Amino acid sequence: MDELIERFLQYVYHQHSQSEKTMDAYRRDLNQLRDFLQAQGIDDFEKVDRLTFLDFLKNCRQLKDGSLAKNSTIARKLSTYRSFYRYLNEYIGIQNNPMVSIHAPKNNRKIPDFLFVSEIRTFLDSYDLSKPASIRDRMIFTLMYACGLRLSETVNLCWEDVHLQERFLLIKGKGSKERLVPFYAALIQAFQEYRLRYWEKYARSTDAVFVSLRGNPMTPRSIQYLMQKHADEIGMHMNVHPHMLRHSFATHLLDNGADIRIVQELLGHSSLSTTQIYTHLSSGKLLKEYQKAHPLANQGIKR
């Protein structure tokens, strides 16, 4: 069983994801299935029937603290097991597939948290640029909002990926997929000033764009901390996280008329359905559109 799991993981890595995080998630899911089966006296994936697999799913649903796993968690696990058994059927010759007719639970997708444009401006414009770290921090969060970057893409950004005169970034996203992301003209000067006033003074043997005061590449955790710290200092009174800037990027582009397929390309989404979650509208936008479209909105009601 361990050998089949490892063969499948290598197949996924080379054929599809090339992502260590994806591999780790697959490995945890498959090891959980293996441990459950061995506890039931089953030592062969081909011997798993539908009822046994349903018992396993029931076991997955009940967490150790007594709470229930989210539908999204179960759906993700089912995706792993479907891929695994498809591999066993096609490449190993196993005939059995206990996944047949088992459907994933409905996943109610949560609308992403985003910031209004006024909140973005307040957050970015309130840095004290006499402090070196503030120069860096504002550049980090300005760029994340300007280009819709993931946190991992931000910390992995290198100067060789920044094309100032052409005004685009070469972003290496999930699964080593590359995409070009443009940025607005004012960021050319922002990049130049950041490099002169901060990066050249602190960077140590690295091409990473964003470095700590010790000269090492920034970590995701440190950026998360710095964003919440700044929000608290300026009295925003809300929990913030870097991904909110990516959510805001997509939301504001769509609210201002950008084509959803262009936004999909800018975000690096492989599926349009992933981008469609951003088509929600702010209450102000809803009221504006309602006022414009409803035939009685702009006139008195006739009695």
Protein backbone atom coordinates (compact mmCIF):
# COMPACT_ATOMS: atom_id res chain seq x y z
CA MET A 1 0.00 0.00 0.00
CA ASP A 2 2.84 2.39 0.83
CA GLU A 3 4.50 1.62 -2.49
CA LEU A 4 1.32 2.41 -4.45
CA ILE A 5 0.88 5.67 -2.56
CA GLU A 6 4.44 6.74 -3.37
CA ARG A 7 4.12 5.75 -7.02
CA PHE A 8 0.93 7.80 -7.29
CA LEU A 9 2.54 10.81 -5.61
CA GLN A 10 5.46 10.72 -8.01
CA TYR A 11 3.05 10.47 -10.92
CA VAL A 12 1.08 13.51 -9.72
CA TYR A 13 4.24 15.51 -9.10
CA HIS A 14 5.73 14.93 -12.54
CA GLN A 15 2.53 14.98 -14.59
CA HIS A 16 0.46 17.66 -12.89
CA SER A 17 1.34 19.77 -9.89
CA GLN A 18 5.08 19.89 -9.18
CA SER A 19 4.00 21.47 -5.90
CA GLU A 20 5.38 20.22 -2.60
CA LYS A 21 2.32 21.57 -0.74
CA THR A 22 -0.03 19.62 -3.01
CA MET A 23 2.08 16.51 -2.53
CA ASP A 24 1.99 16.87 1.25
CA ALA A 25 -1.81 17.23 1.22
CA TYR A 26 -2.22 14.16 -1.00
CA ARG A 27 0.14 12.17 1.20
CA ARG A 28 -1.77 13.04 4.39
CA ASP A 29 -5.09 12.08 2.81
CA LEU A 30 -3.82 8.77 1.47
CA ASN A 31 -2.01 7.85 4.67
CA GLN A 32 -5.25 8.50 6.56
CA LEU A 33 -7.08 6.08 4.25
CA ARG A 34 -4.32 3.48 4.57
CA ASP A 35 -4.33 3.69 8.38
CA PHE A 36 -8.12 3.28 8.52
CA LEU A 37 -8.04 0.25 6.21
CA GLN A 38 -5.23 -1.44 8.11
CA ALA A 39 -7.15 -0.93 11.36
CA GLN A 40 -10.02 -2.82 9.67
CA GLY A 41 -7.67 -5.65 8.67
CA ILE A 42 -7.56 -4.60 5.00
CA ASP A 43 -4.11 -4.59 3.42
CA ASP A 44 -4.99 -4.07 -0.24
CA PHE A 45 -6.65 -1.08 -1.91
CA GLU A 46 -8.38 -3.46 -4.31
CA LYS A 47 -10.30 -5.04 -1.44
CA VAL A 48 -12.04 -1.81 -0.42
CA ASP A 49 -15.78 -1.89 -1.14
CA ARG A 50 -18.24 0.99 -1.20
CA LEU A 51 -19.57 0.39 2.34
CA THR A 52 -16.06 0.32 3.79
CA PHE A 53 -15.24 3.58 2.06
CA LEU A 54 -18.44 5.18 3.35
CA ASP A 55 -17.45 4.13 6.89
CA PHE A 56 -14.09 5.78 6.28
CA LEU A 57 -15.76 9.03 5.18
CA LYS A 58 -17.90 8.96 8.31
CA ASN A 59 -14.71 8.60 10.31
CA CYS A 60 -13.19 11.58 8.44
CA ARG A 61 -16.21 13.73 9.19
CA GLN A 62 -15.88 13.33 12.97
CA LEU A 63 -12.89 15.32 14.26
CA LYS A 64 -10.99 14.54 17.46
CA ASP A 65 -12.41 17.56 19.30
CA GLY A 66 -15.96 16.37 18.64
CA SER A 67 -16.70 18.89 15.89
CA LEU A 68 -17.48 18.01 12.29
CA ALA A 69 -15.17 18.56 9.34
CA LYS A 70 -16.29 21.15 6.80
CA ASN A 71 -17.89 20.09 3.53
CA SER A 72 -14.96 21.68 1.71
CA THR A 73 -12.52 19.44 3.61
CA ILE A 74 -14.44 16.28 2.75
CA ALA A 75 -14.77 17.39 -0.87
CA ARG A 76 -11.01 17.95 -1.10
CA LYS A 77 -10.30 14.50 0.34
CA LEU A 78 -12.74 12.89 -2.09
CA SER A 79 -10.93 14.60 -4.94
CA THR A 80 -7.68 13.01 -3.75
CA TYR A 81 -9.21 9.53 -3.50
CA ARG A 82 -10.89 9.78 -6.90
CA SER A 83 -7.57 10.70 -8.51
CA PHE A 84 -5.83 7.89 -6.65
CA TYR A 85 -8.28 5.19 -7.72
CA ARG A 86 -8.32 6.49 -11.27
CA TYR A 87 -4.55 6.06 -11.26
CA LEU A 88 -4.84 2.55 -9.81
CA ASN A 89 -7.39 1.60 -12.47
CA GLU A 90 -5.51 3.05 -15.43
CA TYR A 91 -1.88 2.38 -14.56
CA ILE A 92 -1.78 -0.44 -12.01
CA GLY A 93 -4.59 -2.61 -13.40
CA ILE A 94 -6.77 -2.66 -10.29
CA GLN A 95 -10.39 -3.28 -11.31
CA ASN A 96 -12.18 -2.16 -8.16
CA ASN A 97 -13.21 1.46 -7.53
CA PRO A 98 -15.21 2.13 -4.35
CA MET A 99 -15.66 5.77 -5.40
CA VAL A 100 -18.32 4.96 -7.99
CA SER A 101 -21.60 6.77 -7.20
CA ILE A 102 -20.12 8.55 -4.15
CA HIS A 103 -20.71 12.28 -4.50
CA ALA A 104 -18.97 15.15 -2.75
CA PRO A 105 -21.03 17.19 -0.26
CA LYS A 106 -22.27 20.54 -1.48
CA ASN A 107 -19.62 23.17 -0.91
CA ASN A 108 -21.10 26.57 -0.12
CA ARG A 109 -18.34 28.88 -1.28
CA LYS A 110 -17.65 31.78 0.99
CA ILE A 111 -17.50 35.23 -0.55
CA PRO A 112 -13.93 36.46 -0.03
CA ASP A 113 -13.17 39.28 2.37
CA PHE A 114 -12.08 42.43 0.58
CA LEU A 115 -11.30 46.06 1.39
CA PHE A 116 -13.03 49.08 -0.11
CA VAL A 117 -10.90 51.46 -2.17
CA SER A 118 -11.05 54.06 0.61
CA GLU A 119 -9.72 51.49 3.10
CA ILE A 120 -6.90 50.55 0.73
CA ARG A 121 -5.93 54.21 0.37
CA THR A 122 -6.03 54.77 4.13
CA PHE A 123 -3.91 51.69 4.75
CA LEU A 124 -1.24 52.53 2.14
CA ASP A 125 -1.10 56.29 2.69
CA SER A 126 -0.58 56.14 6.46
CA TYR A 127 3.02 54.86 6.52
CA ASP A 128 5.76 56.99 8.03
CA LEU A 129 8.28 56.89 5.18
CA SER A 130 11.07 58.28 7.35
CA LYS A 131 11.39 54.73 8.68
CA PRO A 132 13.18 52.21 6.41
CA ALA A 133 10.87 49.33 7.32
CA SER A 134 7.84 51.44 6.44
CA ILE A 135 9.25 52.08 2.96
CA ARG A 136 9.48 48.32 2.47
CA ASP A 137 6.10 47.52 3.99
CA ARG A 138 4.21 50.03 1.90
CA MET A 139 5.90 48.69 -1.24
CA ILE A 140 4.94 45.12 -0.35
CA PHE A 141 1.26 45.87 0.16
CA THR A 142 1.07 48.36 -2.72
CA LEU A 143 2.40 45.71 -5.09
CA MET A 144 0.13 42.97 -3.76
CA TYR A 145 -2.90 45.16 -4.41
CA ALA A 146 -1.61 46.53 -7.72
CA CYS A 147 -0.99 43.08 -9.19
CA GLY A 148 -3.26 40.73 -7.23
CA LEU A 149 -0.33 38.67 -5.97
CA ARG A 150 -0.59 35.71 -3.65
CA LEU A 151 1.52 35.90 -0.50
CA SER A 152 3.78 33.10 -1.74
CA GLU A 153 4.28 34.92 -5.05
CA THR A 154 5.23 38.08 -3.21
CA VAL A 155 7.92 36.51 -1.03
CA ASN A 156 9.34 34.57 -4.00
CA LEU A 157 9.50 37.59 -6.32
CA CYS A 158 13.04 38.30 -7.56
CA TRP A 159 14.41 41.35 -9.32
CA GLU A 160 14.96 39.38 -12.50
CA ASP A 161 11.17 38.95 -12.65
CA VAL A 162 10.55 42.72 -12.46
CA HIS A 163 10.53 44.35 -15.91
CA LEU A 164 10.29 48.05 -15.13
CA GLN A 165 10.32 49.62 -18.57
CA GLU A 166 7.84 47.09 -19.98
CA ARG A 167 5.76 47.43 -16.77
CA PHE A 168 5.09 43.80 -16.01
CA LEU A 169 6.04 41.10 -13.53
CA LEU A 170 6.83 37.51 -14.46
CA ILE A 171 5.04 35.58 -11.73
CA LYS A 172 5.72 31.94 -10.95
CA GLY A 173 2.45 30.78 -9.44
CA LYS A 174 0.94 27.51 -8.27
CA GLY A 175 2.28 24.37 -9.92
CA SER A 176 5.18 26.35 -11.43
CA LYS A 177 2.77 28.04 -13.83
CA GLU A 178 4.06 31.36 -15.12
CA ARG A 179 2.00 34.43 -16.00
CA LEU A 180 2.65 38.04 -16.94
CA VAL A 181 1.03 40.67 -14.72
CA PRO A 182 1.16 44.35 -15.74
CA PHE A 183 1.38 47.22 -13.28
CA TYR A 184 0.52 50.91 -13.52
CA ALA A 185 3.13 53.52 -14.47
CA ALA A 186 3.52 55.10 -11.01
CA LEU A 187 5.01 51.85 -9.73
CA ILE A 188 8.13 52.34 -11.85
CA GLN A 189 9.25 55.20 -9.62
CA ALA A 190 8.02 53.36 -6.51
CA PHE A 191 10.21 50.37 -7.39
CA GLN A 192 13.21 52.60 -8.07
CA GLU A 193 12.85 54.52 -4.81
CA TYR A 194 12.34 51.33 -2.80
CA ARG A 195 15.44 49.76 -4.29
CA LEU A 196 17.58 52.88 -3.69
CA ARG A 197 16.30 53.78 -0.22
CA TYR A 198 15.86 50.31 1.25
CA TRP A 199 16.90 47.23 -0.73
CA GLU A 200 20.44 48.32 -1.62
CA LYS A 201 21.11 49.14 2.04
CA TYR A 202 19.82 45.92 3.59
CA ALA A 203 19.83 43.05 1.07
CA ARG A 204 22.45 40.37 1.69
CA SER A 205 23.36 37.84 -1.03
CA THR A 206 19.82 37.51 -2.37
CA ASP A 207 17.91 38.59 -5.45
CA ALA A 208 14.61 38.54 -3.54
CA VAL A 209 12.80 41.85 -3.95
CA PHE A 210 11.54 41.98 -0.36
CA VAL A 211 14.03 41.48 2.46
CA SER A 212 14.05 41.95 6.21
CA LEU A 213 16.18 44.49 8.05
CA ARG A 214 18.69 41.65 8.46
CA GLY A 215 18.89 41.27 4.69
CA ASN A 216 17.11 37.93 4.38
CA PRO A 217 14.04 37.23 2.20
CA MET A 218 10.78 38.06 3.94
CA THR A 219 8.64 35.18 5.20
CA PRO A 220 4.86 34.82 4.74
CA ARG A 221 4.33 34.92 8.49
CA SER A 222 6.25 38.17 8.90
CA ILE A 223 4.21 39.89 6.16
CA GLN A 224 0.96 38.71 7.74
CA TYR A 225 2.13 40.09 11.10
CA LEU A 226 3.19 43.43 9.61
CA MET A 227 -0.13 43.92 7.85
CA GLN A 228 -2.19 43.33 10.99
CA LYS A 229 0.21 45.45 13.06
CA HIS A 230 -0.17 48.42 10.73
CA ALA A 231 -3.97 48.04 10.60
CA ASP A 232 -4.07 48.09 14.40
CA GLU A 233 -1.78 51.12 14.60
CA ILE A 234 -3.95 53.24 12.29
CA GLY A 235 -7.19 52.20 14.01
CA MET A 236 -8.80 50.06 11.33
CA HIS A 237 -10.31 47.83 14.05
CA MET A 238 -10.59 44.72 11.89
CA ASN A 239 -8.75 41.51 11.22
CA VAL A 240 -6.80 41.76 7.97
CA HIS A 241 -4.67 39.33 6.01
CA PRO A 242 -2.55 39.72 2.85
CA HIS A 243 -4.93 37.68 0.69
CA MET A 244 -7.54 40.42 1.22
CA LEU A 245 -5.44 42.57 -1.12
CA ARG A 246 -5.69 39.94 -3.85
CA HIS A 247 -9.45 39.69 -3.22
CA SER A 248 -9.70 43.47 -3.39
CA PHE A 249 -7.72 43.57 -6.64
CA ALA A 250 -10.15 41.18 -8.34
CA THR A 251 -13.27 42.76 -6.85
CA HIS A 252 -12.32 46.31 -7.84
CA LEU A 253 -11.36 45.33 -11.39
CA LEU A 254 -14.69 43.57 -11.93
CA ASP A 255 -16.64 46.40 -10.28
CA ASN A 256 -15.03 48.80 -12.75
CA GLY A 257 -15.94 46.78 -15.81
CA ALA A 258 -12.97 44.48 -16.40
CA ASP A 259 -13.73 41.34 -18.40
CA ILE A 260 -13.86 38.33 -16.11
CA ARG A 261 -11.57 36.31 -18.38
CA ILE A 262 -8.92 39.02 -18.19
CA VAL A 263 -9.18 38.96 -14.40
CA GLN A 264 -8.89 35.17 -14.52
CA GLU A 265 -5.65 35.52 -16.48
CA LEU A 266 -4.27 38.18 -14.13
CA LEU A 267 -5.01 36.04 -11.06
CA GLY A 268 -3.58 32.90 -12.63
CA HIS A 269 -6.77 30.86 -12.16
CA SER A 270 -6.95 27.72 -14.28
CA SER A 271 -10.74 27.63 -14.00
CA LEU A 272 -13.16 30.48 -14.68
CA SER A 273 -15.43 29.21 -11.91
CA THR A 274 -12.73 30.13 -9.38
CA THR A 275 -12.73 33.71 -10.62
CA GLN A 276 -16.53 33.95 -10.64
CA ILE A 277 -16.60 34.03 -6.86
CA TYR A 278 -15.42 37.64 -7.16
CA THR A 279 -18.48 38.75 -9.12
CA HIS A 280 -20.24 39.70 -5.88
CA LEU A 281 -20.94 43.42 -5.62
CA SER A 282 -20.54 45.91 -2.80
CA SER A 283 -23.71 47.44 -1.40
CA GLY A 284 -22.83 50.79 -2.98
CA LYS A 285 -22.43 49.19 -6.39
CA LEU A 286 -25.71 47.32 -5.97
CA LEU A 287 -27.57 50.52 -5.08
CA LYS A 288 -26.02 52.37 -8.02
CA GLU A 289 -27.00 49.66 -10.50
CA TYR A 290 -30.49 49.33 -8.99
CA GLN A 291 -31.01 53.09 -9.18
CA LYS A 292 -29.94 53.11 -12.81
CA ALA A 293 -31.95 50.08 -13.93
CA HIS A 294 -35.25 50.05 -12.06
CA PRO A 295 -37.98 51.92 -13.98
CA LEU A 296 -39.47 53.54 -10.84
CA ALA A 297 -36.22 54.29 -8.99
CA ASN A 298 -35.81 57.82 -10.34
CA GLN A 299 -39.37 59.05 -10.23
CA GLY A 300 -42.13 59.45 -7.73
CA ILE A 301 -44.57 56.57 -7.31
CA LYS A 302 -47.89 57.38 -8.98
CA ARG A 303 -50.90 56.66 -6.82
